[in-house]
PDB file of N, CA and C in Angstrom:
ATOM      1  N   MET A   1      -6.283   6.401 -22.393  1.00  0.00           N
ATOM      2  CA  MET A   1      -5.866   5.946 -21.086  1.00  0.00           C
ATOM      3  C   MET A   1      -4.369   5.676 -21.124  1.00  0.00           C
ATOM      4  N   THR A   2      -3.677   6.025 -20.061  1.00  0.00           N
ATOM      5  CA  THR A   2      -2.232   5.854 -19.976  1.00  0.00           C
ATOM      6  C   THR A   2      -1.908   4.438 -19.542  1.00  0.00           C
ATOM      7  N   PRO A   3      -1.010   3.745 -20.260  1.00  0.00           N
ATOM      8  CA  PRO A   3      -0.636   2.393 -19.838  1.00  0.00           C
ATOM      9  C   PRO A   3       0.139   2.421 -18.534  1.00  0.00           C
ATOM     10  N   LEU A   4       0.044   1.341 -17.775  1.00  0.00           N
ATOM     11  CA  LEU A   4       0.722   1.255 -16.489  1.00  0.00           C
ATOM     12  C   LEU A   4       2.234   1.282 -16.620  1.00  0.00           C
ATOM     13  N   SER A   5       2.750   0.878 -17.763  1.00  0.00           N
ATOM     14  CA  SER A   5       4.199   0.836 -17.921  1.00  0.00           C
ATOM     15  C   SER A   5       4.804   2.212 -18.140  1.00  0.00           C
ATOM     16  N   ALA A   6       3.987   3.225 -18.427  1.00  0.00           N
ATOM     17  CA  ALA A   6       4.507   4.572 -18.634  1.00  0.00           C
ATOM     18  C   ALA A   6       4.910   5.162 -17.289  1.00  0.00           C
ATOM     19  N   PRO A   7       6.097   5.782 -17.204  1.00  0.00           N
ATOM     20  CA  PRO A   7       6.526   6.369 -15.938  1.00  0.00           C
ATOM     21  C   PRO A   7       5.646   7.541 -15.546  1.00  0.00           C
ATOM     22  N   VAL A   8       5.271   7.594 -14.291  1.00  0.00           N
ATOM     23  CA  VAL A   8       4.476   8.690 -13.772  1.00  0.00           C
ATOM     24  C   VAL A   8       5.378   9.893 -13.536  1.00  0.00           C
ATOM     25  N   LEU A   9       6.601   9.639 -13.078  1.00  0.00           N
ATOM     26  CA  LEU A   9       7.585  10.682 -12.834  1.00  0.00           C
ATOM     27  C   LEU A   9       8.625  10.653 -13.947  1.00  0.00           C
ATOM     28  N   PRO A  10       9.266  11.780 -14.222  1.00  0.00           N
ATOM     29  CA  PRO A  10      10.363  11.743 -15.188  1.00  0.00           C
ATOM     30  C   PRO A  10      11.437  10.770 -14.729  1.00  0.00           C
ATOM     31  N   LEU A  11      12.022  10.088 -15.680  1.00  0.00           N
ATOM     32  CA  LEU A  11      13.031   9.079 -15.355  1.00  0.00           C
ATOM     33  C   LEU A  11      14.135   9.677 -14.508  1.00  0.00           C
ATOM     34  N   GLY A  12      14.420   9.049 -13.388  1.00  0.00           N
ATOM     35  CA  GLY A  12      15.477   9.499 -12.504  1.00  0.00           C
ATOM     36  C   GLY A  12      15.011  10.428 -11.399  1.00  0.00           C
ATOM     37  N   SER A  13      13.788  10.999 -11.498  1.00  0.00           N
ATOM     38  CA  SER A  13      13.355  11.935 -10.460  1.00  0.00           C
ATOM     39  C   SER A  13      13.079  11.218  -9.147  1.00  0.00           C
ATOM     40  N   LEU A  14      12.593   9.991  -9.211  1.00  0.00           N
ATOM     41  CA  LEU A  14      12.362   9.223  -7.991  1.00  0.00           C
ATOM     42  C   LEU A  14      13.677   8.942  -7.292  1.00  0.00           C
ATOM     43  N   SER A  15      14.681   8.548  -8.050  1.00  0.00           N
ATOM     44  CA  SER A  15      15.972   8.260  -7.437  1.00  0.00           C
ATOM     45  C   SER A  15      16.638   9.525  -6.935  1.00  0.00           C
ATOM     46  N   ALA A  16      16.413  10.648  -7.603  1.00  0.00           N
ATOM     47  CA  ALA A  16      17.024  11.903  -7.162  1.00  0.00           C
ATOM     48  C   ALA A  16      16.424  12.386  -5.855  1.00  0.00           C
ATOM     49  N   SER A  17      15.108  12.192  -5.685  1.00  0.00           N
ATOM     50  CA  SER A  17      14.465  12.715  -4.492  1.00  0.00           C
ATOM     51  C   SER A  17      14.439  11.724  -3.334  1.00  0.00           C
ATOM     52  N   HIS A  18      14.473  10.428  -3.594  1.00  0.00           N
ATOM     53  CA  HIS A  18      14.327   9.440  -2.530  1.00  0.00           C
ATOM     54  C   HIS A  18      15.447   8.412  -2.476  1.00  0.00           C
ATOM     55  N   GLY A  19      16.397   8.468  -3.370  1.00  0.00           N
ATOM     56  CA  GLY A  19      17.460   7.470  -3.390  1.00  0.00           C
ATOM     57  C   GLY A  19      16.983   6.211  -4.081  1.00  0.00           C
ATOM     58  N   ALA A  20      17.919   5.466  -4.629  1.00  0.00           N
ATOM     59  CA  ALA A  20      17.566   4.274  -5.396  1.00  0.00           C
ATOM     60  C   ALA A  20      17.695   3.016  -4.559  1.00  0.00           C
ATOM     61  N   ASP A  21      17.793   3.139  -3.273  1.00  0.00           N
ATOM     62  CA  ASP A  21      17.970   1.988  -2.410  1.00  0.00           C
ATOM     63  C   ASP A  21      16.742   1.078  -2.480  1.00  0.00           C
ATOM     64  N   ARG A  22      16.964  -0.180  -2.841  1.00  0.00           N
ATOM     65  CA  ARG A  22      15.866  -1.131  -3.011  1.00  0.00           C
ATOM     66  C   ARG A  22      15.115  -1.363  -1.695  1.00  0.00           C
ATOM     67  N   ALA A  23      15.806  -1.277  -0.568  1.00  0.00           N
ATOM     68  CA  ALA A  23      15.144  -1.456   0.729  1.00  0.00           C
ATOM     69  C   ALA A  23      14.137  -0.341   0.986  1.00  0.00           C
ATOM     70  N   GLN A  24      14.484   0.879   0.580  1.00  0.00           N
ATOM     71  CA  GLN A  24      13.552   1.988   0.736  1.00  0.00           C
ATOM     72  C   GLN A  24      12.327   1.791  -0.152  1.00  0.00           C
ATOM     73  N   LEU A  25      12.549   1.308  -1.365  1.00  0.00           N
ATOM     74  CA  LEU A  25      11.425   1.031  -2.253  1.00  0.00           C
ATOM     75  C   LEU A  25      10.527  -0.055  -1.671  1.00  0.00           C
ATOM     76  N   ALA A  26      11.141  -1.088  -1.128  1.00  0.00           N
ATOM     77  CA  ALA A  26      10.368  -2.186  -0.547  1.00  0.00           C
ATOM     78  C   ALA A  26       9.530  -1.701   0.629  1.00  0.00           C
ATOM     79  N   GLU A  27      10.105  -0.865   1.470  1.00  0.00           N
ATOM     80  CA  GLU A  27       9.371  -0.344   2.627  1.00  0.00           C
ATOM     81  C   GLU A  27       8.226   0.565   2.190  1.00  0.00           C
ATOM     82  N   ALA A  28       8.470   1.418   1.215  1.00  0.00           N
ATOM     83  CA  ALA A  28       7.416   2.293   0.708  1.00  0.00           C
ATOM     84  C   ALA A  28       6.291   1.473   0.094  1.00  0.00           C
ATOM     85  N   ALA A  29       6.634   0.446  -0.641  1.00  0.00           N
ATOM     86  CA  ALA A  29       5.627  -0.422  -1.256  1.00  0.00           C
ATOM     87  C   ALA A  29       4.832  -1.169  -0.184  1.00  0.00           C
ATOM     88  N   ARG A  30       5.504  -1.628   0.882  1.00  0.00           N
ATOM     89  CA  ARG A  30       4.817  -2.333   1.968  1.00  0.00           C
ATOM     90  C   ARG A  30       3.832  -1.390   2.657  1.00  0.00           C
ATOM     91  N   GLN A  31       4.258  -0.156   2.896  1.00  0.00           N
ATOM     92  CA  GLN A  31       3.378   0.815   3.535  1.00  0.00           C
ATOM     93  C   GLN A  31       2.172   1.132   2.657  1.00  0.00           C
ATOM     94  N   PHE A  32       2.394   1.245   1.359  1.00  0.00           N
ATOM     95  CA  PHE A  32       1.281   1.496   0.449  1.00  0.00           C
ATOM     96  C   PHE A  32       0.305   0.326   0.463  1.00  0.00           C
ATOM     97  N   GLU A  33       0.846  -0.896   0.490  1.00  0.00           N
ATOM     98  CA  GLU A  33      -0.029  -2.068   0.548  1.00  0.00           C
ATOM     99  C   GLU A  33      -0.870  -2.042   1.814  1.00  0.00           C
ATOM    100  N   ALA A  34      -0.293  -1.663   2.937  1.00  0.00           N
ATOM    101  CA  ALA A  34      -1.043  -1.586   4.190  1.00  0.00           C
ATOM    102  C   ALA A  34      -2.168  -0.557   4.092  1.00  0.00           C
ATOM    103  N   ILE A  35      -1.880   0.587   3.488  1.00  0.00           N
ATOM    104  CA  ILE A  35      -2.918   1.613   3.301  1.00  0.00           C
ATOM    105  C   ILE A  35      -4.039   1.075   2.427  1.00  0.00           C
ATOM    106  N   PHE A  36      -3.678   0.411   1.357  1.00  0.00           N
ATOM    107  CA  PHE A  36      -4.663  -0.135   0.433  1.00  0.00           C
ATOM    108  C   PHE A  36      -5.543  -1.185   1.122  1.00  0.00           C
ATOM    109  N   VAL A  37      -4.935  -2.073   1.895  1.00  0.00           N
ATOM    110  CA  VAL A  37      -5.701  -3.112   2.603  1.00  0.00           C
ATOM    111  C   VAL A  37      -6.626  -2.463   3.627  1.00  0.00           C
ATOM    112  N   ARG A  38      -6.152  -1.433   4.341  1.00  0.00           N
ATOM    113  CA  ARG A  38      -7.018  -0.725   5.301  1.00  0.00           C
ATOM    114  C   ARG A  38      -8.230  -0.135   4.595  1.00  0.00           C
ATOM    115  N   GLN A  39      -8.019   0.449   3.429  1.00  0.00           N
ATOM    116  CA  GLN A  39      -9.137   1.032   2.687  1.00  0.00           C
ATOM    117  C   GLN A  39     -10.125  -0.044   2.229  1.00  0.00           C
ATOM    118  N   MET A  40      -9.604  -1.189   1.811  1.00  0.00           N
ATOM    119  CA  MET A  40     -10.489  -2.290   1.415  1.00  0.00           C
ATOM    120  C   MET A  40     -11.324  -2.758   2.604  1.00  0.00           C
ATOM    121  N   LEU A  41     -10.691  -2.908   3.763  1.00  0.00           N
ATOM    122  CA  LEU A  41     -11.416  -3.346   4.948  1.00  0.00           C
ATOM    123  C   LEU A  41     -12.463  -2.326   5.376  1.00  0.00           C
ATOM    124  N   ALA A  42     -12.118  -1.053   5.303  1.00  0.00           N
ATOM    125  CA  ALA A  42     -13.073  -0.009   5.669  1.00  0.00           C
ATOM    126  C   ALA A  42     -14.283  -0.028   4.743  1.00  0.00           C
ATOM    127  N   ALA A  43     -14.047  -0.219   3.460  1.00  0.00           N
ATOM    128  CA  ALA A  43     -15.154  -0.297   2.497  1.00  0.00           C
ATOM    129  C   ALA A  43     -16.020  -1.521   2.757  1.00  0.00           C
ATOM    130  N   ALA A  44     -15.381  -2.639   3.104  1.00  0.00           N
ATOM    131  CA  ALA A  44     -16.144  -3.855   3.392  1.00  0.00           C
ATOM    132  C   ALA A  44     -16.980  -3.690   4.655  1.00  0.00           C
ATOM    133  N   ARG A  45     -16.472  -2.970   5.632  1.00  0.00           N
ATOM    134  CA  ARG A  45     -17.213  -2.762   6.885  1.00  0.00           C
ATOM    135  C   ARG A  45     -18.438  -1.877   6.676  1.00  0.00           C
ATOM    136  N   LYS A  46     -18.430  -1.064   5.644  1.00  0.00           N
ATOM    137  CA  LYS A  46     -19.575  -0.190   5.379  1.00  0.00           C
ATOM    138  C   LYS A  46     -20.787  -0.958   4.860  1.00  0.00           C
ATOM    139  N   ALA A  47     -20.554  -2.174   4.391  1.00  0.00           N
ATOM    140  CA  ALA A  47     -21.666  -2.993   3.902  1.00  0.00           C
ATOM    141  C   ALA A  47     -22.589  -3.291   5.081  1.00  0.00           C
ATOM    142  N   SER A  48     -23.864  -3.101   4.887  1.00  0.00           N
ATOM    143  CA  SER A  48     -24.828  -3.301   5.965  1.00  0.00           C
ATOM    144  C   SER A  48     -25.530  -4.643   5.805  1.00  0.00           C
ATOM    145  N   PHE A  49     -25.515  -5.409   6.876  1.00  0.00           N
ATOM    146  CA  PHE A  49     -26.196  -6.706   6.875  1.00  0.00           C
ATOM    147  C   PHE A  49     -27.328  -6.701   7.900  1.00  0.00           C
ATOM    148  N   GLY A  50     -27.909  -5.546   8.128  1.00  0.00           N
ATOM    149  CA  GLY A  50     -28.978  -5.422   9.109  1.00  0.00           C
ATOM    150  C   GLY A  50     -28.497  -4.675  10.334  1.00  0.00           C
ATOM    151  N   GLU A  51     -29.348  -4.565  11.296  1.00  0.00           N
ATOM    152  CA  GLU A  51     -29.042  -3.846  12.524  1.00  0.00           C
ATOM    153  C   GLU A  51     -28.084  -4.667  13.386  1.00  0.00           C
ATOM    154  N   PRO A  52     -26.952  -4.082  13.814  1.00  0.00           N
ATOM    155  CA  PRO A  52     -26.013  -4.829  14.652  1.00  0.00           C
ATOM    156  C   PRO A  52     -26.567  -5.031  16.061  1.00  0.00           C
ATOM    157  N   LEU A  53     -26.198  -6.150  16.669  1.00  0.00           N
ATOM    158  CA  LEU A  53     -26.623  -6.419  18.037  1.00  0.00           C
ATOM    159  C   LEU A  53     -25.881  -5.525  19.018  1.00  0.00           C
ATOM    160  N   LEU A  54     -24.605  -5.366  18.793  1.00  0.00           N
ATOM    161  CA  LEU A  54     -23.776  -4.501  19.619  1.00  0.00           C
ATOM    162  C   LEU A  54     -23.236  -3.402  18.729  1.00  0.00           C
ATOM    163  N   GLY A  55     -22.952  -2.278  19.292  1.00  0.00           N
ATOM    164  CA  GLY A  55     -22.435  -1.203  18.446  1.00  0.00           C
ATOM    165  C   GLY A  55     -21.984  -0.034  19.272  1.00  0.00           C
ATOM    166  N   GLY A  56     -21.915   1.096  18.613  1.00  0.00           N
ATOM    167  CA  GLY A  56     -21.500   2.304  19.290  1.00  0.00           C
ATOM    168  C   GLY A  56     -20.128   2.755  18.849  1.00  0.00           C
ATOM    169  N   GLN A  57     -19.723   3.899  19.376  1.00  0.00           N
ATOM    170  CA  GLN A  57     -18.449   4.505  19.012  1.00  0.00           C
ATOM    171  C   GLN A  57     -17.273   3.643  19.449  1.00  0.00           C
ATOM    172  N   GLY A  58     -17.373   3.007  20.614  1.00  0.00           N
ATOM    173  CA  GLY A  58     -16.286   2.157  21.106  1.00  0.00           C
ATOM    174  C   GLY A  58     -16.012   0.993  20.169  1.00  0.00           C
ATOM    175  N   LEU A  59     -17.069   0.369  19.689  1.00  0.00           N
ATOM    176  CA  LEU A  59     -16.907  -0.751  18.761  1.00  0.00           C
ATOM    177  C   LEU A  59     -16.321  -0.279  17.437  1.00  0.00           C
ATOM    178  N   GLU A  60     -16.756   0.881  16.973  1.00  0.00           N
ATOM    179  CA  GLU A  60     -16.205   1.421  15.729  1.00  0.00           C
ATOM    180  C   GLU A  60     -14.708   1.699  15.865  1.00  0.00           C
ATOM    181  N   THR A  61     -14.315   2.268  16.993  1.00  0.00           N
ATOM    182  CA  THR A  61     -12.898   2.542  17.244  1.00  0.00           C
ATOM    183  C   THR A  61     -12.102   1.245  17.278  1.00  0.00           C
ATOM    184  N   PHE A  62     -12.646   0.242  17.962  1.00  0.00           N
ATOM    185  CA  PHE A  62     -11.975  -1.055  18.031  1.00  0.00           C
ATOM    186  C   PHE A  62     -11.829  -1.670  16.649  1.00  0.00           C
ATOM    187  N   ARG A  63     -12.893  -1.626  15.854  1.00  0.00           N
ATOM    188  CA  ARG A  63     -12.842  -2.192  14.503  1.00  0.00           C
ATOM    189  C   ARG A  63     -11.798  -1.480  13.641  1.00  0.00           C
ATOM    190  N   THR A  64     -11.714  -0.176  13.767  1.00  0.00           N
ATOM    191  CA  THR A  64     -10.723   0.581  13.005  1.00  0.00           C
ATOM    192  C   THR A  64      -9.313   0.158  13.395  1.00  0.00           C
ATOM    193  N   MET A  65      -9.074   0.057  14.705  1.00  0.00           N
ATOM    194  CA  MET A  65      -7.756  -0.370  15.172  1.00  0.00           C
ATOM    195  C   MET A  65      -7.469  -1.803  14.738  1.00  0.00           C
ATOM    196  N   GLN A  66      -8.467  -2.658  14.780  1.00  0.00           N
ATOM    197  CA  GLN A  66      -8.319  -4.049  14.351  1.00  0.00           C
ATOM    198  C   GLN A  66      -7.976  -4.116  12.860  1.00  0.00           C
ATOM    199  N   ASP A  67      -8.664  -3.336  12.055  1.00  0.00           N
ATOM    200  CA  ASP A  67      -8.397  -3.311  10.614  1.00  0.00           C
ATOM    201  C   ASP A  67      -6.993  -2.794  10.320  1.00  0.00           C
ATOM    202  N   GLU A  68      -6.554  -1.754  11.053  1.00  0.00           N
ATOM    203  CA  GLU A  68      -5.213  -1.222  10.851  1.00  0.00           C
ATOM    204  C   GLU A  68      -4.157  -2.271  11.168  1.00  0.00           C
ATOM    205  N   ARG A  69      -4.353  -2.995  12.259  1.00  0.00           N
ATOM    206  CA  ARG A  69      -3.379  -4.028  12.640  1.00  0.00           C
ATOM    207  C   ARG A  69      -3.377  -5.169  11.620  1.00  0.00           C
ATOM    208  N   PHE A  70      -4.552  -5.593  11.192  1.00  0.00           N
ATOM    209  CA  PHE A  70      -4.628  -6.653  10.191  1.00  0.00           C
ATOM    210  C   PHE A  70      -3.944  -6.224   8.899  1.00  0.00           C
ATOM    211  N   ALA A  71      -4.153  -4.964   8.497  1.00  0.00           N
ATOM    212  CA  ALA A  71      -3.529  -4.455   7.273  1.00  0.00           C
ATOM    213  C   ALA A  71      -2.015  -4.459   7.391  1.00  0.00           C
ATOM    214  N   GLU A  72      -1.488  -4.063   8.551  1.00  0.00           N
ATOM    215  CA  GLU A  72      -0.033  -4.083   8.766  1.00  0.00           C
ATOM    216  C   GLU A  72       0.512  -5.513   8.694  1.00  0.00           C
ATOM    217  N   ILE A  73      -0.182  -6.458   9.313  1.00  0.00           N
ATOM    218  CA  ILE A  73       0.254  -7.859   9.284  1.00  0.00           C
ATOM    219  C   ILE A  73       0.209  -8.401   7.857  1.00  0.00           C
ATOM    220  N   ALA A  74      -0.885  -8.121   7.147  1.00  0.00           N
ATOM    221  CA  ALA A  74      -1.023  -8.609   5.771  1.00  0.00           C
ATOM    222  C   ALA A  74       0.058  -8.021   4.872  1.00  0.00           C
ATOM    223  N   ALA A  75       0.339  -6.732   5.035  1.00  0.00           N
ATOM    224  CA  ALA A  75       1.366  -6.088   4.205  1.00  0.00           C
ATOM    225  C   ALA A  75       2.755  -6.617   4.542  1.00  0.00           C
ATOM    226  N   SER A  76       3.027  -6.830   5.831  1.00  0.00           N
ATOM    227  CA  SER A  76       4.348  -7.339   6.234  1.00  0.00           C
ATOM    228  C   SER A  76       4.589  -8.753   5.730  1.00  0.00           C
ATOM    229  N   SER A  77       3.532  -9.550   5.681  1.00  0.00           N
ATOM    230  CA  SER A  77       3.689 -10.929   5.223  1.00  0.00           C
ATOM    231  C   SER A  77       3.628 -11.043   3.702  1.00  0.00           C
ATOM    232  N   GLY A  78       3.162  -9.987   3.032  1.00  0.00           N
ATOM    233  CA  GLY A  78       3.025 -10.039   1.579  1.00  0.00           C
ATOM    234  C   GLY A  78       1.859 -10.899   1.139  1.00  0.00           C
ATOM    235  N   ALA A  79       0.865 -11.029   1.993  1.00  0.00           N
ATOM    236  CA  ALA A  79      -0.272 -11.919   1.735  1.00  0.00           C
ATOM    237  C   ALA A  79      -0.993 -11.606   0.424  1.00  0.00           C
ATOM    238  N   PHE A  80      -1.131 -10.341   0.096  1.00  0.00           N
ATOM    239  CA  PHE A  80      -1.843  -9.974  -1.122  1.00  0.00           C
ATOM    240  C   PHE A  80      -0.910  -9.780  -2.307  1.00  0.00           C
ATOM    241  N   GLY A  81       0.340  -9.489  -2.052  1.00  0.00           N
ATOM    242  CA  GLY A  81       1.325  -9.331  -3.123  1.00  0.00           C
ATOM    243  C   GLY A  81       1.352  -7.964  -3.765  1.00  0.00           C
ATOM    244  N   PHE A  82       0.546  -7.026  -3.261  1.00  0.00           N
ATOM    245  CA  PHE A  82       0.539  -5.684  -3.847  1.00  0.00           C
ATOM    246  C   PHE A  82       1.889  -5.004  -3.652  1.00  0.00           C
ATOM    247  N   GLY A  83       2.464  -5.138  -2.477  1.00  0.00           N
ATOM    248  CA  GLY A  83       3.742  -4.495  -2.181  1.00  0.00           C
ATOM    249  C   GLY A  83       4.841  -4.930  -3.126  1.00  0.00           C
ATOM    250  N   ALA A  84       4.917  -6.230  -3.397  1.00  0.00           N
ATOM    251  CA  ALA A  84       5.948  -6.745  -4.303  1.00  0.00           C
ATOM    252  C   ALA A  84       5.751  -6.198  -5.716  1.00  0.00           C
ATOM    253  N   MET A  85       4.494  -6.124  -6.166  1.00  0.00           N
ATOM    254  CA  MET A  85       4.228  -5.576  -7.502  1.00  0.00           C
ATOM    255  C   MET A  85       4.591  -4.098  -7.577  1.00  0.00           C
ATOM    256  N   ILE A  86       4.245  -3.349  -6.543  1.00  0.00           N
ATOM    257  CA  ILE A  86       4.554  -1.924  -6.510  1.00  0.00           C
ATOM    258  C   ILE A  86       6.062  -1.720  -6.488  1.00  0.00           C
ATOM    259  N   GLU A  87       6.757  -2.505  -5.683  1.00  0.00           N
ATOM    260  CA  GLU A  87       8.219  -2.390  -5.606  1.00  0.00           C
ATOM    261  C   GLU A  87       8.856  -2.653  -6.965  1.00  0.00           C
ATOM    262  N   ARG A  88       8.431  -3.713  -7.657  1.00  0.00           N
ATOM    263  CA  ARG A  88       8.988  -4.021  -8.985  1.00  0.00           C
ATOM    264  C   ARG A  88       8.719  -2.877  -9.962  1.00  0.00           C
ATOM    265  N   HIS A  89       7.521  -2.327  -9.907  1.00  0.00           N
ATOM    266  CA  HIS A  89       7.169  -1.245 -10.820  1.00  0.00           C
ATOM    267  C   HIS A  89       8.023  -0.005 -10.535  1.00  0.00           C
ATOM    268  N   LEU A  90       8.180   0.352  -9.250  1.00  0.00           N
ATOM    269  CA  LEU A  90       9.002   1.513  -8.906  1.00  0.00           C
ATOM    270  C   LEU A  90      10.463   1.289  -9.264  1.00  0.00           C
ATOM    271  N   ALA A  91      10.974   0.086  -9.009  1.00  0.00           N
ATOM    272  CA  ALA A  91      12.373  -0.210  -9.315  1.00  0.00           C
ATOM    273  C   ALA A  91      12.643  -0.096 -10.811  1.00  0.00           C
ATOM    274  N   ALA A  92      11.655  -0.456 -11.626  1.00  0.00           N
ATOM    275  CA  ALA A  92      11.825  -0.360 -13.073  1.00  0.00           C
ATOM    276  C   ALA A  92      11.860   1.104 -13.540  1.00  0.00           C
ATOM    277  N   GLN A  93      11.243   2.006 -12.753  1.00  0.00           N
ATOM    278  CA  GLN A  93      11.210   3.416 -13.115  1.00  0.00           C
ATOM    279  C   GLN A  93      12.462   4.168 -12.704  1.00  0.00           C
ATOM    280  N   VAL A  94      13.242   3.587 -11.794  1.00  0.00           N
ATOM    281  CA  VAL A  94      14.453   4.230 -11.301  1.00  0.00           C
ATOM    282  C   VAL A  94      15.615   3.814 -12.193  1.00  0.00           C
ATOM    283  N   ALA A  95      16.339   4.783 -12.687  1.00  0.00           N
ATOM    284  CA  ALA A  95      17.475   4.482 -13.564  1.00  0.00           C
ATOM    285  C   ALA A  95      18.544   3.749 -12.775  1.00  0.00           C
ATOM    286  N   PRO A  96      19.174   2.735 -13.359  1.00  0.00           N
ATOM    287  CA  PRO A  96      20.278   2.056 -12.691  1.00  0.00           C
ATOM    288  C   PRO A  96      21.398   3.044 -12.374  1.00  0.00           C
ATOM    289  N   GLU A  97      22.174   2.753 -11.346  1.00  0.00           N
ATOM    290  CA  GLU A  97      23.246   3.657 -10.882  1.00  0.00           C
ATOM    291  C   GLU A  97      24.182   4.079 -12.014  1.00  0.00           C
ATOM    292  N   GLY A  98      24.543   3.174 -12.900  1.00  0.00           N
ATOM    293  CA  GLY A  98      25.514   3.469 -13.947  1.00  0.00           C
ATOM    294  C   GLY A  98      24.957   4.287 -15.100  1.00  0.00           C
ATOM    295  N   LYS A  99      23.640   4.458 -15.214  1.00  0.00           N
ATOM    296  CA  LYS A  99      23.048   5.131 -16.370  1.00  0.00           C
ATOM    297  C   LYS A  99      22.583   6.547 -16.075  1.00  0.00           C
ATOM    298  N   ARG A 100      23.014   7.138 -14.984  1.00  0.00           N
ATOM    299  CA  ARG A 100      22.587   8.513 -14.669  1.00  0.00           C
ATOM    300  C   ARG A 100      23.491   9.529 -15.274  1.00  0.00           C
TER     301      ARG A 100
END
C-alpha cells in the first residue's frame, strides 16, 4: 500500500499545470470537501428506515438540492476540516517558488 505522504503527481507538476497560488489550492480543497460531504449525505439517505410517509420524485429532488446546499455550507465553514487537510497535503507536494 502506498503511504499518504508519497506524491501522487511528480514533484512540481501540480504547480506547473495549476499554479502554486495557495488561494487556488484552498478553493480546490474546499470544492473537494463539498463533493465528499455530498457523497456522504447521499449514502446516508440510502439507508432505509421503513416506508416513508411522503415521497416521490419531487421529494428526492428537494433532498438532493438540500444535501448539495448543506455540503457547500459545511465546506465553506470548514466544519469537517477535510478541506484544510487536503490543502496542506497539496501545498506540501508543490515545490516552493525558489526550488524550481
